[in-house]
Structures are given as structure tokens and as C-alpha cells.
């Protein structure tokens, strides 16, 4: 079980590094068990960010900053 938690923690760290500079990402939850850890303001605005999962965030590709 510790290996699974370690893997999830590593995945979270890599995700933070990858999408951390996205202008729409306002927060990434530190809870590795949370299914929608990314608070995104792209469609809802700064006041009411929506929670999305990692796949949704990566598919959006705003983190690339093109």
C-alpha cells in the first residue's frame, strides 16, 4: 500500500510541475486521493473555480502557454 501512495505522490508532484504555470490553474489539492484535485478558472472565472481531474487539465493544454 505504501508503494501506491508513493506513486500517487510522485504523480501529483509531476503534475504540479507540468501545469503549475497555467494561467487558469488557481490551486492543486495536496490530497493525493482527491479525484478532481485541480481548481481551474478557465470557464467559471476567478471567484468560482471548478474542480477538474488531471486528464481534463492535460487535455485543455493551456498549461503549455502558447
PDB file of N, CA and C in Angstrom:
ATOM      1  N   UNK A   1       0.819  -1.200   0.000  1.00  0.00           N
ATOM      2  CA  UNK A   1       0.000   0.000   0.000  1.00  0.00           C
ATOM      3  C   UNK A   1       0.860   1.260   0.000  1.00  0.00           C
ATOM      4  N   UNK A   2       1.999   1.212   0.665  1.00  0.00           N
ATOM      5  CA  UNK A   2       2.897   2.365   0.687  1.00  0.00           C
ATOM      6  C   UNK A   2       3.418   2.693  -0.711  1.00  0.00           C
ATOM      7  N   UNK A   3       3.618   1.679  -1.529  1.00  0.00           N
ATOM      8  CA  UNK A   3       4.099   1.899  -2.884  1.00  0.00           C
ATOM      9  C   UNK A   3       3.062   2.655  -3.709  1.00  0.00           C
ATOM     10  N   UNK A   4       1.790   2.344  -3.520  1.00  0.00           N
ATOM     11  CA  UNK A   4       0.724   3.030  -4.245  1.00  0.00           C
ATOM     12  C   UNK A   4       0.641   4.492  -3.821  1.00  0.00           C
ATOM     13  N   UNK A   5       0.733   4.745  -2.553  1.00  0.00           N
ATOM     14  CA  UNK A   5       0.718   6.124  -2.049  1.00  0.00           C
ATOM     15  C   UNK A   5       1.937   6.891  -2.564  1.00  0.00           C
ATOM     16  N   UNK A   6       3.072   6.249  -2.594  1.00  0.00           N
ATOM     17  CA  UNK A   6       4.289   6.880  -3.103  1.00  0.00           C
ATOM     18  C   UNK A   6       4.154   7.206  -4.589  1.00  0.00           C
ATOM     19  N   UNK A   7       3.560   6.304  -5.343  1.00  0.00           N
ATOM     20  CA  UNK A   7       3.330   6.531  -6.768  1.00  0.00           C
ATOM     21  C   UNK A   7       2.365   7.700  -6.993  1.00  0.00           C
ATOM     22  N   UNK A   8       1.294   7.749  -6.210  1.00  0.00           N
ATOM     23  CA  UNK A   8       0.334   8.855  -6.318  1.00  0.00           C
ATOM     24  C   UNK A   8       0.983  10.182  -5.942  1.00  0.00           C
ATOM     25  N   UNK A   9       1.830  10.175  -4.940  1.00  0.00           N
ATOM     26  CA  UNK A   9       2.530  11.387  -4.530  1.00  0.00           C
ATOM     27  C   UNK A   9       3.475  11.858  -5.625  1.00  0.00           C
ATOM     28  N   UNK A  10       4.180  10.933  -6.239  1.00  0.00           N
ATOM     29  CA  UNK A  10       5.079  11.286  -7.351  1.00  0.00           C
ATOM     30  C   UNK A  10       4.295  11.836  -8.535  1.00  0.00           C
ATOM     31  N   UNK A  11       3.155  11.227  -8.842  1.00  0.00           N
ATOM     32  CA  UNK A  11       2.313  11.697  -9.936  1.00  0.00           C
ATOM     33  C   UNK A  11       1.811  13.108  -9.656  1.00  0.00           C
ATOM     34  N   UNK A  12       1.421  13.381  -8.426  1.00  0.00           N
ATOM     35  CA  UNK A  12       0.965  14.716  -8.054  1.00  0.00           C
ATOM     36  C   UNK A  12       2.092  15.732  -8.208  1.00  0.00           C
ATOM     37  N   UNK A  13       3.271  15.383  -7.769  1.00  0.00           N
ATOM     38  CA  UNK A  13       4.423  16.284  -7.880  1.00  0.00           C
ATOM     39  C   UNK A  13       4.727  16.615  -9.342  1.00  0.00           C
ATOM     40  N   UNK A  14       4.706  15.599 -10.191  1.00  0.00           N
ATOM     41  CA  UNK A  14       4.959  15.814 -11.614  1.00  0.00           C
ATOM     42  C   UNK A  14       3.858  16.664 -12.250  1.00  0.00           C
ATOM     43  N   UNK A  15       2.633  16.443 -11.835  1.00  0.00           N
ATOM     44  CA  UNK A  15       1.517  17.235 -12.351  1.00  0.00           C
ATOM     45  C   UNK A  15       1.671  18.689 -11.960  1.00  0.00           C
ATOM     46  N   UNK A  16       2.040  18.943 -10.723  1.00  0.00           N
ATOM     47  CA  UNK A  16       2.248  20.311 -10.255  1.00  0.00           C
ATOM     48  C   UNK A  16       3.342  20.985 -11.072  1.00  0.00           C
ATOM     49  N   UNK A  17       4.408  20.267 -11.338  1.00  0.00           N
ATOM     50  CA  UNK A  17       5.496  20.828 -12.139  1.00  0.00           C
ATOM     51  C   UNK A  17       5.052  21.124 -13.567  1.00  0.00           C
ATOM     52  N   UNK A  18       4.234  20.255 -14.134  1.00  0.00           N
ATOM     53  CA  UNK A  18       3.806  20.413 -15.521  1.00  0.00           C
ATOM     54  C   UNK A  18       2.788  21.526 -15.698  1.00  0.00           C
ATOM     55  N   UNK A  19       1.762  21.567 -14.851  1.00  0.00           N
ATOM     56  CA  UNK A  19       0.669  22.521 -15.060  1.00  0.00           C
ATOM     57  C   UNK A  19       0.701  23.694 -14.101  1.00  0.00           C
ATOM     58  N   UNK A  20       1.690  23.742 -13.251  1.00  0.00           N
ATOM     59  CA  UNK A  20       1.756  24.792 -12.247  1.00  0.00           C
ATOM     60  C   UNK A  20       1.802  26.208 -12.778  1.00  0.00           C
ATOM     61  N   UNK A  21       2.211  26.386 -14.019  1.00  0.00           N
ATOM     62  CA  UNK A  21       2.310  27.732 -14.595  1.00  0.00           C
ATOM     63  C   UNK A  21       1.104  28.093 -15.456  1.00  0.00           C
ATOM     64  N   UNK A  22       0.092  27.249 -15.487  1.00  0.00           N
ATOM     65  CA  UNK A  22      -1.104  27.536 -16.267  1.00  0.00           C
ATOM     66  C   UNK A  22      -1.811  28.748 -15.666  1.00  0.00           C
ATOM     67  N   UNK A  23      -2.191  29.689 -16.515  1.00  0.00           N
ATOM     68  CA  UNK A  23      -2.823  30.916 -16.020  1.00  0.00           C
ATOM     69  C   UNK A  23      -4.218  30.670 -15.467  1.00  0.00           C
ATOM     70  N   UNK A  24      -4.816  29.529 -15.756  1.00  0.00           N
ATOM     71  CA  UNK A  24      -6.152  29.212 -15.255  1.00  0.00           C
ATOM     72  C   UNK A  24      -6.129  28.328 -14.009  1.00  0.00           C
ATOM     73  N   UNK A  25      -5.001  27.765 -13.683  1.00  0.00           N
ATOM     74  CA  UNK A  25      -4.890  26.885 -12.518  1.00  0.00           C
ATOM     75  C   UNK A  25      -4.704  27.738 -11.272  1.00  0.00           C
ATOM     76  N   UNK A  26      -5.700  27.721 -10.387  1.00  0.00           N
ATOM     77  CA  UNK A  26      -5.604  28.552  -9.196  1.00  0.00           C
ATOM     78  C   UNK A  26      -5.103  27.774  -7.977  1.00  0.00           C
ATOM     79  N   UNK A  27      -5.250  26.437  -7.999  1.00  0.00           N
ATOM     80  CA  UNK A  27      -4.826  25.626  -6.858  1.00  0.00           C
ATOM     81  C   UNK A  27      -4.799  24.161  -7.264  1.00  0.00           C
ATOM     82  N   UNK A  28      -3.870  23.420  -6.704  1.00  0.00           N
ATOM     83  CA  UNK A  28      -3.838  21.974  -6.878  1.00  0.00           C
ATOM     84  C   UNK A  28      -3.865  21.368  -5.493  1.00  0.00           C
ATOM     85  N   UNK A  29      -4.871  20.561  -5.217  1.00  0.00           N
ATOM     86  CA  UNK A  29      -5.046  19.972  -3.891  1.00  0.00           C
ATOM     87  C   UNK A  29      -3.854  19.092  -3.524  1.00  0.00           C
ATOM     88  N   UNK A  30      -3.505  19.105  -2.261  1.00  0.00           N
ATOM     89  CA  UNK A  30      -2.394  18.269  -1.788  1.00  0.00           C
ATOM     90  C   UNK A  30      -2.858  16.863  -1.421  1.00  0.00           C
ATOM     91  N   UNK A  31      -4.174  16.623  -1.428  1.00  0.00           N
ATOM     92  CA  UNK A  31      -4.725  15.303  -1.113  1.00  0.00           C
ATOM     93  C   UNK A  31      -4.599  14.401  -2.336  1.00  0.00           C
ATOM     94  N   UNK A  32      -3.743  13.389  -2.264  1.00  0.00           N
ATOM     95  CA  UNK A  32      -3.498  12.518  -3.411  1.00  0.00           C
ATOM     96  C   UNK A  32      -4.683  11.610  -3.725  1.00  0.00           C
ATOM     97  N   UNK A  33      -5.655  11.518  -2.834  1.00  0.00           N
ATOM     98  CA  UNK A  33      -6.816  10.660  -3.053  1.00  0.00           C
ATOM     99  C   UNK A  33      -7.988  11.417  -3.676  1.00  0.00           C
ATOM    100  N   UNK A  34      -7.862  12.717  -3.809  1.00  0.00           N
ATOM    101  CA  UNK A  34      -8.923  13.554  -4.353  1.00  0.00           C
ATOM    102  C   UNK A  34      -9.018  13.330  -5.866  1.00  0.00           C
ATOM    103  N   UNK A  35     -10.218  13.033  -6.374  1.00  0.00           N
ATOM    104  CA  UNK A  35     -10.387  12.689  -7.789  1.00  0.00           C
ATOM    105  C   UNK A  35     -10.329  13.902  -8.715  1.00  0.00           C
ATOM    106  N   UNK A  36     -10.660  15.084  -8.218  1.00  0.00           N
ATOM    107  CA  UNK A  36     -10.596  16.306  -9.022  1.00  0.00           C
ATOM    108  C   UNK A  36      -9.760  17.342  -8.280  1.00  0.00           C
ATOM    109  N   UNK A  37      -8.437  17.168  -8.305  1.00  0.00           N
ATOM    110  CA  UNK A  37      -7.556  17.988  -7.466  1.00  0.00           C
ATOM    111  C   UNK A  37      -7.202  19.369  -8.006  1.00  0.00           C
ATOM    112  N   UNK A  38      -7.600  19.678  -9.231  1.00  0.00           N
ATOM    113  CA  UNK A  38      -7.155  20.917  -9.862  1.00  0.00           C
ATOM    114  C   UNK A  38      -8.296  21.923  -9.896  1.00  0.00           C
ATOM    115  N   UNK A  39      -8.043  23.094  -9.355  1.00  0.00           N
ATOM    116  CA  UNK A  39      -9.032  24.164  -9.355  1.00  0.00           C
ATOM    117  C   UNK A  39      -8.757  25.052 -10.563  1.00  0.00           C
ATOM    118  N   UNK A  40      -9.676  25.034 -11.512  1.00  0.00           N
ATOM    119  CA  UNK A  40      -9.490  25.726 -12.784  1.00  0.00           C
ATOM    120  C   UNK A  40     -10.479  26.879 -12.909  1.00  0.00           C
ATOM    121  N   UNK A  41      -9.996  28.014 -13.396  1.00  0.00           N
ATOM    122  CA  UNK A  41     -10.841  29.198 -13.538  1.00  0.00           C
ATOM    123  C   UNK A  41     -11.160  29.514 -15.001  1.00  0.00           C
ATOM    124  N   UNK A  42     -10.821  28.625 -15.903  1.00  0.00           N
ATOM    125  CA  UNK A  42     -10.974  28.910 -17.338  1.00  0.00           C
ATOM    126  C   UNK A  42     -12.421  29.216 -17.736  1.00  0.00           C
ATOM    127  N   UNK A  43     -13.372  28.448 -17.278  1.00  0.00           N
ATOM    128  CA  UNK A  43     -14.756  28.618 -17.705  1.00  0.00           C
ATOM    129  C   UNK A  43     -15.651  29.285 -16.663  1.00  0.00           C
ATOM    130  N   UNK A  44     -15.190  29.338 -15.426  1.00  0.00           N
ATOM    131  CA  UNK A  44     -16.052  29.843 -14.355  1.00  0.00           C
ATOM    132  C   UNK A  44     -15.578  31.152 -13.752  1.00  0.00           C
ATOM    133  N   UNK A  45     -14.381  31.592 -14.079  1.00  0.00           N
ATOM    134  CA  UNK A  45     -13.864  32.840 -13.542  1.00  0.00           C
ATOM    135  C   UNK A  45     -13.089  32.641 -12.253  1.00  0.00           C
ATOM    136  N   UNK A  46     -12.401  33.694 -11.855  1.00  0.00           N
ATOM    137  CA  UNK A  46     -11.520  33.629 -10.687  1.00  0.00           C
ATOM    138  C   UNK A  46     -12.254  33.397  -9.368  1.00  0.00           C
ATOM    139  N   UNK A  47     -13.456  33.886  -9.262  1.00  0.00           N
ATOM    140  CA  UNK A  47     -14.178  33.802  -7.988  1.00  0.00           C
ATOM    141  C   UNK A  47     -14.701  32.400  -7.706  1.00  0.00           C
ATOM    142  N   UNK A  48     -15.095  31.675  -8.746  1.00  0.00           N
ATOM    143  CA  UNK A  48     -15.686  30.348  -8.570  1.00  0.00           C
ATOM    144  C   UNK A  48     -14.974  29.307  -9.436  1.00  0.00           C
ATOM    145  N   UNK A  49     -13.754  28.917  -9.068  1.00  0.00           N
ATOM    146  CA  UNK A  49     -13.055  27.914  -9.886  1.00  0.00           C
ATOM    147  C   UNK A  49     -13.781  26.571  -9.837  1.00  0.00           C
ATOM    148  N   UNK A  50     -13.701  25.835 -10.914  1.00  0.00           N
ATOM    149  CA  UNK A  50     -14.288  24.497 -10.956  1.00  0.00           C
ATOM    150  C   UNK A  50     -13.184  23.468 -10.724  1.00  0.00           C
ATOM    151  N   UNK A  51     -13.531  22.348 -10.131  1.00  0.00           N
ATOM    152  CA  UNK A  51     -12.559  21.290  -9.864  1.00  0.00           C
ATOM    153  C   UNK A  51     -12.550  20.321 -11.043  1.00  0.00           C
ATOM    154  N   UNK A  52     -11.374  20.042 -11.556  1.00  0.00           N
ATOM    155  CA  UNK A  52     -11.230  19.124 -12.679  1.00  0.00           C
ATOM    156  C   UNK A  52     -10.193  18.055 -12.345  1.00  0.00           C
ATOM    157  N   UNK A  53     -10.254  16.960 -13.088  1.00  0.00           N
ATOM    158  CA  UNK A  53      -9.262  15.916 -12.885  1.00  0.00           C
ATOM    159  C   UNK A  53      -8.031  16.189 -13.758  1.00  0.00           C
ATOM    160  N   UNK A  54      -7.024  15.412 -13.563  1.00  0.00           N
ATOM    161  CA  UNK A  54      -5.759  15.617 -14.263  1.00  0.00           C
ATOM    162  C   UNK A  54      -5.928  15.453 -15.768  1.00  0.00           C
ATOM    163  N   UNK A  55      -6.736  14.473 -16.181  1.00  0.00           N
ATOM    164  CA  UNK A  55      -6.925  14.224 -17.611  1.00  0.00           C
ATOM    165  C   UNK A  55      -7.580  15.421 -18.305  1.00  0.00           C
ATOM    166  N   UNK A  56      -8.564  16.020 -17.662  1.00  0.00           N
ATOM    167  CA  UNK A  56      -9.237  17.189 -18.225  1.00  0.00           C
ATOM    168  C   UNK A  56      -8.259  18.345 -18.365  1.00  0.00           C
ATOM    169  N   UNK A  57      -7.459  18.544 -17.354  1.00  0.00           N
ATOM    170  CA  UNK A  57      -6.495  19.639 -17.371  1.00  0.00           C
ATOM    171  C   UNK A  57      -5.456  19.440 -18.468  1.00  0.00           C
ATOM    172  N   UNK A  58      -4.931  18.248 -18.586  1.00  0.00           N
ATOM    173  CA  UNK A  58      -3.921  17.985 -19.612  1.00  0.00           C
ATOM    174  C   UNK A  58      -4.507  18.065 -21.014  1.00  0.00           C
ATOM    175  N   UNK A  59      -5.771  17.674 -21.191  1.00  0.00           N
ATOM    176  CA  UNK A  59      -6.419  17.740 -22.495  1.00  0.00           C
ATOM    177  C   UNK A  59      -6.636  19.196 -22.931  1.00  0.00           C
ATOM    178  N   UNK A  60      -6.852  20.088 -21.994  1.00  0.00           N
ATOM    179  CA  UNK A  60      -7.067  21.502 -22.281  1.00  0.00           C
ATOM    180  C   UNK A  60      -5.806  22.121 -22.901  1.00  0.00           C
ATOM    181  N   UNK A  61      -4.663  21.760 -22.431  1.00  0.00           N
ATOM    182  CA  UNK A  61      -3.349  22.182 -22.905  1.00  0.00           C
ATOM    183  C   UNK A  61      -3.047  23.673 -22.707  1.00  0.00           C
ATOM    184  N   UNK A  62      -3.795  24.349 -21.882  1.00  0.00           N
ATOM    185  CA  UNK A  62      -3.490  25.753 -21.580  1.00  0.00           C
ATOM    186  C   UNK A  62      -2.173  25.874 -20.808  1.00  0.00           C
ATOM    187  N   UNK A  63      -1.765  24.803 -20.147  1.00  0.00           N
ATOM    188  CA  UNK A  63      -0.523  24.826 -19.364  1.00  0.00           C
ATOM    189  C   UNK A  63       0.699  25.040 -20.252  1.00  0.00           C
ATOM    190  N   UNK A  64       0.544  24.805 -21.553  1.00  0.00           N
ATOM    191  CA  UNK A  64       1.664  24.984 -22.472  1.00  0.00           C
ATOM    192  C   UNK A  64       2.003  26.445 -22.706  1.00  0.00           C
ATOM    193  N   UNK A  65       1.040  27.313 -22.451  1.00  0.00           N
ATOM    194  CA  UNK A  65       1.288  28.743 -22.581  1.00  0.00           C
ATOM    195  C   UNK A  65       1.657  29.198 -23.978  1.00  0.00           C
ATOM    196  N   UNK A  66       0.958  28.702 -24.967  1.00  0.00           N
ATOM    197  CA  UNK A  66       1.281  29.023 -26.355  1.00  0.00           C
ATOM    198  C   UNK A  66       1.077  30.441 -26.731  1.00  0.00           C
TER     199      UNK A  66
END
